């Protein structure tokens, strides 16, 4: 079975959004509506979003295993093969192309997002 690669759409909202900031909260809700419509094998799925008091909880796909950055940090001498790199880059670019087709710019691409 092949492992799905995922990317995330935007920055951590936890410090930006609270229920007392109505403008930021409304913007966040609009973004959630867009993100929940994503349907691509290399883009993480948001299953649900809950608001409770001043907290917002995002329920998303469970991703088993480490991200690429964690893997490289844990195994300092590990080297991906050229074929592995080609496969990873194709998956990443497929996700980015999908987001661009939806008029969305990722804003924060880095290894820990894959």
PDB file of N, CA and C in Angstrom:
ATOM      1  N   UNK A   1       0.840  -1.198   0.000  1.00  0.00           N
ATOM      2  CA  UNK A   1       0.000   0.000   0.000  1.00  0.00           C
ATOM      3  C   UNK A   1       0.872   1.244   0.000  1.00  0.00           C
ATOM      4  N   UNK A   2       0.531   2.193  -0.812  1.00  0.00           N
ATOM      5  CA  UNK A   2       1.321   3.420  -0.878  1.00  0.00           C
ATOM      6  C   UNK A   2       0.853   4.393   0.190  1.00  0.00           C
ATOM      7  N   UNK A   3       1.774   5.115   0.750  1.00  0.00           N
ATOM      8  CA  UNK A   3       1.460   6.072   1.796  1.00  0.00           C
ATOM      9  C   UNK A   3       1.068   7.403   1.160  1.00  0.00           C
ATOM     10  N   UNK A   4      -0.042   7.947   1.584  1.00  0.00           N
ATOM     11  CA  UNK A   4      -0.482   9.237   1.061  1.00  0.00           C
ATOM     12  C   UNK A   4       0.352  10.337   1.677  1.00  0.00           C
ATOM     13  N   UNK A   5       0.697  11.317   0.886  1.00  0.00           N
ATOM     14  CA  UNK A   5       1.407  12.505   1.356  1.00  0.00           C
ATOM     15  C   UNK A   5       0.420  13.640   1.436  1.00  0.00           C
ATOM     16  N   UNK A   6       0.558  14.469   2.427  1.00  0.00           N
ATOM     17  CA  UNK A   6      -0.401  15.535   2.649  1.00  0.00           C
ATOM     18  C   UNK A   6       0.305  16.870   2.838  1.00  0.00           C
ATOM     19  N   UNK A   7      -0.423  17.889   2.597  1.00  0.00           N
ATOM     20  CA  UNK A   7       0.064  19.230   2.874  1.00  0.00           C
ATOM     21  C   UNK A   7      -1.022  19.965   3.638  1.00  0.00           C
ATOM     22  N   UNK A   8      -0.656  20.988   4.287  1.00  0.00           N
ATOM     23  CA  UNK A   8      -1.620  21.808   5.006  1.00  0.00           C
ATOM     24  C   UNK A   8      -1.727  23.147   4.316  1.00  0.00           C
ATOM     25  N   UNK A   9      -2.858  23.785   4.517  1.00  0.00           N
ATOM     26  CA  UNK A   9      -3.154  24.980   3.751  1.00  0.00           C
ATOM     27  C   UNK A   9      -2.595  26.255   4.349  1.00  0.00           C
ATOM     28  N   UNK A  10      -2.704  26.472   5.603  1.00  0.00           N
ATOM     29  CA  UNK A  10      -2.242  27.757   6.116  1.00  0.00           C
ATOM     30  C   UNK A  10      -1.631  27.628   7.492  1.00  0.00           C
ATOM     31  N   UNK A  11      -1.226  28.750   8.025  1.00  0.00           N
ATOM     32  CA  UNK A  11      -0.511  28.801   9.298  1.00  0.00           C
ATOM     33  C   UNK A  11      -1.376  28.342  10.458  1.00  0.00           C
ATOM     34  N   UNK A  12      -0.768  28.164  11.590  1.00  0.00           N
ATOM     35  CA  UNK A  12      -1.463  27.809  12.817  1.00  0.00           C
ATOM     36  C   UNK A  12      -2.320  28.990  13.253  1.00  0.00           C
ATOM     37  N   UNK A  13      -3.594  28.763  13.348  1.00  0.00           N
ATOM     38  CA  UNK A  13      -4.528  29.827  13.695  1.00  0.00           C
ATOM     39  C   UNK A  13      -4.699  30.008  15.190  1.00  0.00           C
ATOM     40  N   UNK A  14      -4.150  29.132  16.011  1.00  0.00           N
ATOM     41  CA  UNK A  14      -4.447  29.148  17.444  1.00  0.00           C
ATOM     42  C   UNK A  14      -4.136  30.481  18.104  1.00  0.00           C
ATOM     43  N   UNK A  15      -3.108  31.183  17.640  1.00  0.00           N
ATOM     44  CA  UNK A  15      -2.776  32.469  18.247  1.00  0.00           C
ATOM     45  C   UNK A  15      -3.509  33.627  17.583  1.00  0.00           C
ATOM     46  N   UNK A  16      -4.159  33.346  16.434  1.00  0.00           N
ATOM     47  CA  UNK A  16      -4.806  34.416  15.678  1.00  0.00           C
ATOM     48  C   UNK A  16      -6.306  34.514  15.901  1.00  0.00           C
ATOM     49  N   UNK A  17      -6.923  33.414  16.278  1.00  0.00           N
ATOM     50  CA  UNK A  17      -8.370  33.381  16.324  1.00  0.00           C
ATOM     51  C   UNK A  17      -8.846  33.019  17.723  1.00  0.00           C
ATOM     52  N   UNK A  18      -9.712  33.813  18.246  1.00  0.00           N
ATOM     53  CA  UNK A  18     -10.424  33.460  19.462  1.00  0.00           C
ATOM     54  C   UNK A  18     -11.839  33.988  19.321  1.00  0.00           C
ATOM     55  N   UNK A  19     -12.746  33.461  20.093  1.00  0.00           N
ATOM     56  CA  UNK A  19     -14.147  33.819  19.905  1.00  0.00           C
ATOM     57  C   UNK A  19     -14.415  35.285  20.209  1.00  0.00           C
ATOM     58  N   UNK A  20     -13.522  35.957  20.899  1.00  0.00           N
ATOM     59  CA  UNK A  20     -13.743  37.373  21.190  1.00  0.00           C
ATOM     60  C   UNK A  20     -13.320  38.280  20.033  1.00  0.00           C
ATOM     61  N   UNK A  21     -12.570  37.753  19.081  1.00  0.00           N
ATOM     62  CA  UNK A  21     -12.159  38.522  17.909  1.00  0.00           C
ATOM     63  C   UNK A  21     -13.093  38.133  16.758  1.00  0.00           C
ATOM     64  N   UNK A  22     -14.213  38.817  16.663  1.00  0.00           N
ATOM     65  CA  UNK A  22     -15.257  38.424  15.727  1.00  0.00           C
ATOM     66  C   UNK A  22     -14.826  38.504  14.271  1.00  0.00           C
ATOM     67  N   UNK A  23     -14.026  39.490  13.905  1.00  0.00           N
ATOM     68  CA  UNK A  23     -13.574  39.624  12.518  1.00  0.00           C
ATOM     69  C   UNK A  23     -12.667  38.445  12.134  1.00  0.00           C
ATOM     70  N   UNK A  24     -11.706  38.135  12.979  1.00  0.00           N
ATOM     71  CA  UNK A  24     -10.807  37.005  12.703  1.00  0.00           C
ATOM     72  C   UNK A  24     -11.578  35.687  12.714  1.00  0.00           C
ATOM     73  N   UNK A  25     -12.531  35.556  13.616  1.00  0.00           N
ATOM     74  CA  UNK A  25     -13.324  34.339  13.702  1.00  0.00           C
ATOM     75  C   UNK A  25     -14.166  34.144  12.441  1.00  0.00           C
ATOM     76  N   UNK A  26     -14.758  35.202  11.936  1.00  0.00           N
ATOM     77  CA  UNK A  26     -15.555  35.109  10.719  1.00  0.00           C
ATOM     78  C   UNK A  26     -14.668  34.752   9.521  1.00  0.00           C
ATOM     79  N   UNK A  27     -13.476  35.350   9.426  1.00  0.00           N
ATOM     80  CA  UNK A  27     -12.540  35.014   8.364  1.00  0.00           C
ATOM     81  C   UNK A  27     -12.145  33.538   8.460  1.00  0.00           C
ATOM     82  N   UNK A  28     -11.866  33.081   9.661  1.00  0.00           N
ATOM     83  CA  UNK A  28     -11.502  31.683   9.880  1.00  0.00           C
ATOM     84  C   UNK A  28     -12.631  30.757   9.428  1.00  0.00           C
ATOM     85  N   UNK A  29     -13.862  31.074   9.776  1.00  0.00           N
ATOM     86  CA  UNK A  29     -15.009  30.248   9.365  1.00  0.00           C
ATOM     87  C   UNK A  29     -15.125  30.178   7.836  1.00  0.00           C
ATOM     88  N   UNK A  30     -14.874  31.282   7.165  1.00  0.00           N
ATOM     89  CA  UNK A  30     -14.905  31.284   5.701  1.00  0.00           C
ATOM     90  C   UNK A  30     -13.810  30.381   5.137  1.00  0.00           C
ATOM     91  N   UNK A  31     -12.622  30.453   5.723  1.00  0.00           N
ATOM     92  CA  UNK A  31     -11.511  29.604   5.279  1.00  0.00           C
ATOM     93  C   UNK A  31     -11.820  28.131   5.528  1.00  0.00           C
ATOM     94  N   UNK A  32     -12.441  27.830   6.645  1.00  0.00           N
ATOM     95  CA  UNK A  32     -12.815  26.452   6.956  1.00  0.00           C
ATOM     96  C   UNK A  32     -13.757  25.908   5.887  1.00  0.00           C
ATOM     97  N   UNK A  33     -14.732  26.715   5.484  1.00  0.00           N
ATOM     98  CA  UNK A  33     -15.679  26.279   4.459  1.00  0.00           C
ATOM     99  C   UNK A  33     -14.961  25.922   3.160  1.00  0.00           C
ATOM    100  N   UNK A  34     -13.936  26.685   2.809  1.00  0.00           N
ATOM    101  CA  UNK A  34     -13.161  26.402   1.597  1.00  0.00           C
ATOM    102  C   UNK A  34     -12.343  25.125   1.784  1.00  0.00           C
ATOM    103  N   UNK A  35     -11.631  25.027   2.876  1.00  0.00           N
ATOM    104  CA  UNK A  35     -10.741  23.884   3.116  1.00  0.00           C
ATOM    105  C   UNK A  35     -11.508  22.569   3.195  1.00  0.00           C
ATOM    106  N   UNK A  36     -12.689  22.595   3.770  1.00  0.00           N
ATOM    107  CA  UNK A  36     -13.478  21.359   3.893  1.00  0.00           C
ATOM    108  C   UNK A  36     -13.930  20.831   2.540  1.00  0.00           C
ATOM    109  N   UNK A  37     -13.832  21.625   1.497  1.00  0.00           N
ATOM    110  CA  UNK A  37     -14.209  21.179   0.154  1.00  0.00           C
ATOM    111  C   UNK A  37     -13.038  20.539  -0.599  1.00  0.00           C
ATOM    112  N   UNK A  38     -11.829  20.611  -0.068  1.00  0.00           N
ATOM    113  CA  UNK A  38     -10.676  20.034  -0.751  1.00  0.00           C
ATOM    114  C   UNK A  38     -10.872  18.532  -0.928  1.00  0.00           C
ATOM    115  N   UNK A  39     -10.535  18.058  -2.118  1.00  0.00           N
ATOM    116  CA  UNK A  39     -10.664  16.636  -2.422  1.00  0.00           C
ATOM    117  C   UNK A  39      -9.512  16.231  -3.328  1.00  0.00           C
ATOM    118  N   UNK A  40      -8.396  15.903  -2.713  1.00  0.00           N
ATOM    119  CA  UNK A  40      -7.201  15.513  -3.462  1.00  0.00           C
ATOM    120  C   UNK A  40      -6.420  14.533  -2.588  1.00  0.00           C
ATOM    121  N   UNK A  41      -5.839  13.477  -3.174  1.00  0.00           N
ATOM    122  CA  UNK A  41      -5.147  12.471  -2.362  1.00  0.00           C
ATOM    123  C   UNK A  41      -3.908  12.991  -1.633  1.00  0.00           C
ATOM    124  N   UNK A  42      -3.378  14.140  -2.035  1.00  0.00           N
ATOM    125  CA  UNK A  42      -2.185  14.672  -1.393  1.00  0.00           C
ATOM    126  C   UNK A  42      -2.456  15.926  -0.572  1.00  0.00           C
ATOM    127  N   UNK A  43      -3.726  16.190  -0.294  1.00  0.00           N
ATOM    128  CA  UNK A  43      -4.110  17.322   0.547  1.00  0.00           C
ATOM    129  C   UNK A  43      -4.918  16.770   1.705  1.00  0.00           C
ATOM    130  N   UNK A  44      -4.510  17.126   2.898  1.00  0.00           N
ATOM    131  CA  UNK A  44      -5.173  16.607   4.089  1.00  0.00           C
ATOM    132  C   UNK A  44      -6.646  17.017   4.118  1.00  0.00           C
ATOM    133  N   UNK A  45      -7.475  16.121   4.616  1.00  0.00           N
ATOM    134  CA  UNK A  45      -8.912  16.371   4.703  1.00  0.00           C
ATOM    135  C   UNK A  45      -9.283  16.861   6.101  1.00  0.00           C
ATOM    136  N   UNK A  46     -10.029  17.949   6.150  1.00  0.00           N
ATOM    137  CA  UNK A  46     -10.591  18.429   7.415  1.00  0.00           C
ATOM    138  C   UNK A  46     -11.973  17.814   7.538  1.00  0.00           C
ATOM    139  N   UNK A  47     -12.154  17.000   8.546  1.00  0.00           N
ATOM    140  CA  UNK A  47     -13.418  16.290   8.716  1.00  0.00           C
ATOM    141  C   UNK A  47     -14.467  17.147   9.413  1.00  0.00           C
ATOM    142  N   UNK A  48     -14.030  17.900  10.406  1.00  0.00           N
ATOM    143  CA  UNK A  48     -14.965  18.737  11.132  1.00  0.00           C
ATOM    144  C   UNK A  48     -14.221  19.805  11.910  1.00  0.00           C
ATOM    145  N   UNK A  49     -14.932  20.849  12.290  1.00  0.00           N
ATOM    146  CA  UNK A  49     -14.381  21.935  13.096  1.00  0.00           C
ATOM    147  C   UNK A  49     -15.392  22.244  14.186  1.00  0.00           C
ATOM    148  N   UNK A  50     -14.897  22.296  15.421  1.00  0.00           N
ATOM    149  CA  UNK A  50     -15.765  22.587  16.567  1.00  0.00           C
ATOM    150  C   UNK A  50     -15.259  23.824  17.279  1.00  0.00           C
ATOM    151  N   UNK A  51     -16.186  24.616  17.750  1.00  0.00           N
ATOM    152  CA  UNK A  51     -15.854  25.772  18.573  1.00  0.00           C
ATOM    153  C   UNK A  51     -16.412  25.530  19.972  1.00  0.00           C
ATOM    154  N   UNK A  52     -15.588  25.773  20.978  1.00  0.00           N
ATOM    155  CA  UNK A  52     -16.026  25.641  22.364  1.00  0.00           C
ATOM    156  C   UNK A  52     -15.338  26.719  23.178  1.00  0.00           C
ATOM    157  N   UNK A  53     -16.120  27.562  23.798  1.00  0.00           N
ATOM    158  CA  UNK A  53     -15.589  28.695  24.556  1.00  0.00           C
ATOM    159  C   UNK A  53     -14.653  29.503  23.651  1.00  0.00           C
ATOM    160  N   UNK A  54     -13.395  29.611  24.021  1.00  0.00           N
ATOM    161  CA  UNK A  54     -12.438  30.374  23.213  1.00  0.00           C
ATOM    162  C   UNK A  54     -11.537  29.473  22.379  1.00  0.00           C
ATOM    163  N   UNK A  55     -11.861  28.181  22.304  1.00  0.00           N
ATOM    164  CA  UNK A  55     -11.033  27.233  21.553  1.00  0.00           C
ATOM    165  C   UNK A  55     -11.714  26.798  20.267  1.00  0.00           C
ATOM    166  N   UNK A  56     -10.883  26.532  19.258  1.00  0.00           N
ATOM    167  CA  UNK A  56     -11.354  25.982  17.996  1.00  0.00           C
ATOM    168  C   UNK A  56     -10.606  24.672  17.779  1.00  0.00           C
ATOM    169  N   UNK A  57     -11.359  23.600  17.506  1.00  0.00           N
ATOM    170  CA  UNK A  57     -10.770  22.281  17.312  1.00  0.00           C
ATOM    171  C   UNK A  57     -11.000  21.836  15.867  1.00  0.00           C
ATOM    172  N   UNK A  58      -9.932  21.410  15.222  1.00  0.00           N
ATOM    173  CA  UNK A  58     -10.006  20.931  13.845  1.00  0.00           C
ATOM    174  C   UNK A  58      -9.788  19.423  13.867  1.00  0.00           C
ATOM    175  N   UNK A  59     -10.743  18.688  13.315  1.00  0.00           N
ATOM    176  CA  UNK A  59     -10.624  17.239  13.188  1.00  0.00           C
ATOM    177  C   UNK A  59     -10.202  16.966  11.748  1.00  0.00           C
ATOM    178  N   UNK A  60      -9.024  16.359  11.603  1.00  0.00           N
ATOM    179  CA  UNK A  60      -8.479  16.130  10.265  1.00  0.00           C
ATOM    180  C   UNK A  60      -8.024  14.697  10.119  1.00  0.00           C
ATOM    181  N   UNK A  61      -7.680  14.328   8.888  1.00  0.00           N
ATOM    182  CA  UNK A  61      -7.146  12.995   8.626  1.00  0.00           C
ATOM    183  C   UNK A  61      -6.008  12.674   9.594  1.00  0.00           C
ATOM    184  N   UNK A  62      -5.964  11.420  10.023  1.00  0.00           N
ATOM    185  CA  UNK A  62      -4.842  10.956  10.823  1.00  0.00           C
ATOM    186  C   UNK A  62      -3.710  10.574   9.875  1.00  0.00           C
ATOM    187  N   UNK A  63      -2.538  11.107  10.121  1.00  0.00           N
ATOM    188  CA  UNK A  63      -1.373  10.813   9.293  1.00  0.00           C
ATOM    189  C   UNK A  63      -0.408   9.962  10.102  1.00  0.00           C
ATOM    190  N   UNK A  64      -0.283   8.729   9.730  1.00  0.00           N
ATOM    191  CA  UNK A  64       0.593   7.806  10.432  1.00  0.00           C
ATOM    192  C   UNK A  64       2.046   8.066  10.039  1.00  0.00           C
ATOM    193  N   UNK A  65       2.921   8.081  11.016  1.00  0.00           N
ATOM    194  CA  UNK A  65       4.342   8.227  10.729  1.00  0.00           C
ATOM    195  C   UNK A  65       4.814   9.665  10.840  1.00  0.00           C
ATOM    196  N   UNK A  66       6.103   9.832  10.646  1.00  0.00           N
ATOM    197  CA  UNK A  66       6.734  11.143  10.747  1.00  0.00           C
ATOM    198  C   UNK A  66       6.588  11.921   9.448  1.00  0.00           C
ATOM    199  N   UNK A  67       6.728  13.229   9.558  1.00  0.00           N
ATOM    200  CA  UNK A  67       6.798  14.026   8.338  1.00  0.00           C
ATOM    201  C   UNK A  67       8.228  13.949   7.809  1.00  0.00           C
ATOM    202  N   UNK A  68       8.470  14.519   6.651  1.00  0.00           N
ATOM    203  CA  UNK A  68       9.791  14.390   6.018  1.00  0.00           C
ATOM    204  C   UNK A  68      10.898  15.016   6.858  1.00  0.00           C
ATOM    205  N   UNK A  69      10.633  16.150   7.477  1.00  0.00           N
ATOM    206  CA  UNK A  69      11.641  16.812   8.295  1.00  0.00           C
ATOM    207  C   UNK A  69      12.013  15.951   9.502  1.00  0.00           C
ATOM    208  N   UNK A  70      11.009  15.390  10.183  1.00  0.00           N
ATOM    209  CA  UNK A  70      11.273  14.537  11.336  1.00  0.00           C
ATOM    210  C   UNK A  70      12.092  13.307  10.946  1.00  0.00           C
ATOM    211  N   UNK A  71      11.771  12.744   9.798  1.00  0.00           N
ATOM    212  CA  UNK A  71      12.507  11.558   9.343  1.00  0.00           C
ATOM    213  C   UNK A  71      13.978  11.890   9.102  1.00  0.00           C
ATOM    214  N   UNK A  72      14.232  13.016   8.464  1.00  0.00           N
ATOM    215  CA  UNK A  72      15.617  13.400   8.182  1.00  0.00           C
ATOM    216  C   UNK A  72      16.358  13.783   9.459  1.00  0.00           C
ATOM    217  N   UNK A  73      15.668  14.399  10.403  1.00  0.00           N
ATOM    218  CA  UNK A  73      16.287  14.751  11.687  1.00  0.00           C
ATOM    219  C   UNK A  73      16.622  13.507  12.503  1.00  0.00           C
ATOM    220  N   UNK A  74      15.743  12.514  12.475  1.00  0.00           N
ATOM    221  CA  UNK A  74      15.947  11.293  13.256  1.00  0.00           C
ATOM    222  C   UNK A  74      17.064  10.427  12.677  1.00  0.00           C
ATOM    223  N   UNK A  75      17.215  10.468  11.374  1.00  0.00           N
ATOM    224  CA  UNK A  75      18.218   9.643  10.700  1.00  0.00           C
ATOM    225  C   UNK A  75      19.166  10.559   9.933  1.00  0.00           C
ATOM    226  N   UNK A  76      20.086  11.166  10.650  1.00  0.00           N
ATOM    227  CA  UNK A  76      20.979  12.186  10.074  1.00  0.00           C
ATOM    228  C   UNK A  76      21.727  11.709   8.832  1.00  0.00           C
ATOM    229  N   UNK A  77      22.047  10.426   8.773  1.00  0.00           N
ATOM    230  CA  UNK A  77      22.845   9.925   7.650  1.00  0.00           C
ATOM    231  C   UNK A  77      21.995   9.271   6.572  1.00  0.00           C
ATOM    232  N   UNK A  78      20.667   9.296   6.760  1.00  0.00           N
ATOM    233  CA  UNK A  78      19.782   8.700   5.760  1.00  0.00           C
ATOM    234  C   UNK A  78      19.731   9.586   4.520  1.00  0.00           C
ATOM    235  N   UNK A  79      19.733   8.964   3.376  1.00  0.00           N
ATOM    236  CA  UNK A  79      19.623   9.693   2.121  1.00  0.00           C
ATOM    237  C   UNK A  79      18.491   9.068   1.306  1.00  0.00           C
ATOM    238  N   UNK A  80      17.567   9.901   0.859  1.00  0.00           N
ATOM    239  CA  UNK A  80      16.524   9.412  -0.023  1.00  0.00           C
ATOM    240  C   UNK A  80      17.157   9.076  -1.367  1.00  0.00           C
ATOM    241  N   UNK A  81      16.640   8.047  -2.017  1.00  0.00           N
ATOM    242  CA  UNK A  81      17.116   7.722  -3.360  1.00  0.00           C
ATOM    243  C   UNK A  81      16.551   8.757  -4.340  1.00  0.00           C
ATOM    244  N   UNK A  82      17.135   8.805  -5.509  1.00  0.00           N
ATOM    245  CA  UNK A  82      16.641   9.725  -6.531  1.00  0.00           C
ATOM    246  C   UNK A  82      15.186   9.397  -6.882  1.00  0.00           C
ATOM    247  N   UNK A  83      14.870   8.118  -6.952  1.00  0.00           N
ATOM    248  CA  UNK A  83      13.502   7.701  -7.268  1.00  0.00           C
ATOM    249  C   UNK A  83      12.526   8.138  -6.174  1.00  0.00           C
ATOM    250  N   UNK A  84      12.918   8.009  -4.907  1.00  0.00           N
ATOM    251  CA  UNK A  84      12.071   8.472  -3.806  1.00  0.00           C
ATOM    252  C   UNK A  84      11.843   9.984  -3.897  1.00  0.00           C
ATOM    253  N   UNK A  85      12.898  10.716  -4.188  1.00  0.00           N
ATOM    254  CA  UNK A  85      12.782  12.177  -4.305  1.00  0.00           C
ATOM    255  C   UNK A  85      11.839  12.573  -5.427  1.00  0.00           C
ATOM    256  N   UNK A  86      11.960  11.898  -6.555  1.00  0.00           N
ATOM    257  CA  UNK A  86      11.075  12.181  -7.683  1.00  0.00           C
ATOM    258  C   UNK A  86       9.624  11.942  -7.275  1.00  0.00           C
ATOM    259  N   UNK A  87       9.380  10.830  -6.608  1.00  0.00           N
ATOM    260  CA  UNK A  87       8.023  10.490  -6.170  1.00  0.00           C
ATOM    261  C   UNK A  87       7.485  11.557  -5.199  1.00  0.00           C
ATOM    262  N   UNK A  88       8.285  11.949  -4.210  1.00  0.00           N
ATOM    263  CA  UNK A  88       7.861  12.954  -3.225  1.00  0.00           C
ATOM    264  C   UNK A  88       7.561  14.300  -3.890  1.00  0.00           C
ATOM    265  N   UNK A  89       8.449  14.728  -4.772  1.00  0.00           N
ATOM    266  CA  UNK A  89       8.266  16.027  -5.425  1.00  0.00           C
ATOM    267  C   UNK A  89       7.015  16.005  -6.301  1.00  0.00           C
ATOM    268  N   UNK A  90       6.776  14.906  -7.005  1.00  0.00           N
ATOM    269  CA  UNK A  90       5.561  14.800  -7.818  1.00  0.00           C
ATOM    270  C   UNK A  90       4.315  14.913  -6.942  1.00  0.00           C
ATOM    271  N   UNK A  91       4.322  14.251  -5.794  1.00  0.00           N
ATOM    272  CA  UNK A  91       3.171  14.318  -4.891  1.00  0.00           C
ATOM    273  C   UNK A  91       2.988  15.725  -4.340  1.00  0.00           C
ATOM    274  N   UNK A  92       4.086  16.356  -3.963  1.00  0.00           N
ATOM    275  CA  UNK A  92       4.013  17.724  -3.432  1.00  0.00           C
ATOM    276  C   UNK A  92       3.483  18.694  -4.485  1.00  0.00           C
ATOM    277  N   UNK A  93       4.041  18.606  -5.671  1.00  0.00           N
ATOM    278  CA  UNK A  93       3.635  19.531  -6.724  1.00  0.00           C
ATOM    279  C   UNK A  93       2.208  19.271  -7.196  1.00  0.00           C
ATOM    280  N   UNK A  94       1.781  18.029  -7.138  1.00  0.00           N
ATOM    281  CA  UNK A  94       0.393  17.709  -7.458  1.00  0.00           C
ATOM    282  C   UNK A  94      -0.544  18.411  -6.479  1.00  0.00           C
ATOM    283  N   UNK A  95      -0.187  18.394  -5.196  1.00  0.00           N
ATOM    284  CA  UNK A  95      -0.992  19.072  -4.176  1.00  0.00           C
ATOM    285  C   UNK A  95      -0.985  20.584  -4.401  1.00  0.00           C
ATOM    286  N   UNK A  96       0.180  21.143  -4.667  1.00  0.00           N
ATOM    287  CA  UNK A  96       0.285  22.588  -4.892  1.00  0.00           C
ATOM    288  C   UNK A  96      -0.508  22.982  -6.145  1.00  0.00           C
ATOM    289  N   UNK A  97      -0.385  22.195  -7.196  1.00  0.00           N
ATOM    290  CA  UNK A  97      -1.135  22.480  -8.424  1.00  0.00           C
ATOM    291  C   UNK A  97      -2.641  22.438  -8.153  1.00  0.00           C
ATOM    292  N   UNK A  98      -3.088  21.480  -7.358  1.00  0.00           N
ATOM    293  CA  UNK A  98      -4.514  21.389  -7.008  1.00  0.00           C
ATOM    294  C   UNK A  98      -4.953  22.653  -6.269  1.00  0.00           C
ATOM    295  N   UNK A  99      -4.169  23.070  -5.276  1.00  0.00           N
ATOM    296  CA  UNK A  99      -4.524  24.287  -4.536  1.00  0.00           C
ATOM    297  C   UNK A  99      -4.560  25.501  -5.466  1.00  0.00           C
ATOM    298  N   UNK A 100      -3.583  25.615  -6.344  1.00  0.00           N
ATOM    299  CA  UNK A 100      -3.560  26.733  -7.287  1.00  0.00           C
ATOM    300  C   UNK A 100      -4.784  26.704  -8.203  1.00  0.00           C
ATOM    301  N   UNK A 101      -5.232  25.509  -8.583  1.00  0.00           N
ATOM    302  CA  UNK A 101      -6.421  25.403  -9.434  1.00  0.00           C
ATOM    303  C   UNK A 101      -7.664  25.918  -8.716  1.00  0.00           C
ATOM    304  N   UNK A 102      -7.594  25.948  -7.388  1.00  0.00           N
ATOM    305  CA  UNK A 102      -8.692  26.477  -6.567  1.00  0.00           C
ATOM    306  C   UNK A 102      -8.446  27.934  -6.173  1.00  0.00           C
ATOM    307  N   UNK A 103      -7.441  28.554  -6.806  1.00  0.00           N
ATOM    308  CA  UNK A 103      -7.072  29.951  -6.526  1.00  0.00           C
ATOM    309  C   UNK A 103      -6.556  30.134  -5.097  1.00  0.00           C
ATOM    310  N   UNK A 104      -5.817  29.147  -4.608  1.00  0.00           N
ATOM    311  CA  UNK A 104      -5.282  29.172  -3.248  1.00  0.00           C
ATOM    312  C   UNK A 104      -3.766  29.070  -3.300  1.00  0.00           C
ATOM    313  N   UNK A 105      -3.105  29.927  -2.534  1.00  0.00           N
ATOM    314  CA  UNK A 105      -1.655  29.896  -2.392  1.00  0.00           C
ATOM    315  C   UNK A 105      -1.348  29.317  -1.014  1.00  0.00           C
ATOM    316  N   UNK A 106      -0.416  28.380  -0.940  1.00  0.00           N
ATOM    317  CA  UNK A 106      -0.142  27.668   0.310  1.00  0.00           C
ATOM    318  C   UNK A 106       0.388  28.571   1.413  1.00  0.00           C
ATOM    319  N   UNK A 107       1.312  29.429   1.186  1.00  0.00           N
ATOM    320  CA  UNK A 107       1.893  30.394   2.120  1.00  0.00           C
ATOM    321  C   UNK A 107       2.973  29.854   3.050  1.00  0.00           C
ATOM    322  N   UNK A 108       3.105  28.543   3.212  1.00  0.00           N
ATOM    323  CA  UNK A 108       4.056  28.047   4.204  1.00  0.00           C
ATOM    324  C   UNK A 108       4.589  26.655   3.851  1.00  0.00           C
ATOM    325  N   UNK A 109       5.132  26.503   2.643  1.00  0.00           N
ATOM    326  CA  UNK A 109       5.675  25.212   2.229  1.00  0.00           C
ATOM    327  C   UNK A 109       7.021  24.956   2.896  1.00  0.00           C
ATOM    328  N   UNK A 110       7.138  23.806   3.535  1.00  0.00           N
ATOM    329  CA  UNK A 110       8.412  23.363   4.104  1.00  0.00           C
ATOM    330  C   UNK A 110       8.306  21.872   4.412  1.00  0.00           C
ATOM    331  N   UNK A 111       9.443  21.220   4.636  1.00  0.00           N
ATOM    332  CA  UNK A 111       9.463  19.771   4.798  1.00  0.00           C
ATOM    333  C   UNK A 111       8.547  19.264   5.913  1.00  0.00           C
ATOM    334  N   UNK A 112       8.396  20.022   6.988  1.00  0.00           N
ATOM    335  CA  UNK A 112       7.564  19.522   8.096  1.00  0.00           C
ATOM    336  C   UNK A 112       6.084  19.528   7.754  1.00  0.00           C
ATOM    337  N   UNK A 113       5.714  20.064   6.604  1.00  0.00           N
ATOM    338  CA  UNK A 113       4.322  20.060   6.169  1.00  0.00           C
ATOM    339  C   UNK A 113       4.003  18.840   5.304  1.00  0.00           C
ATOM    340  N   UNK A 114       5.024  18.034   4.985  1.00  0.00           N
ATOM    341  CA  UNK A 114       4.825  16.871   4.121  1.00  0.00           C
ATOM    342  C   UNK A 114       5.132  15.581   4.840  1.00  0.00           C
TER     343      UNK A 114
END
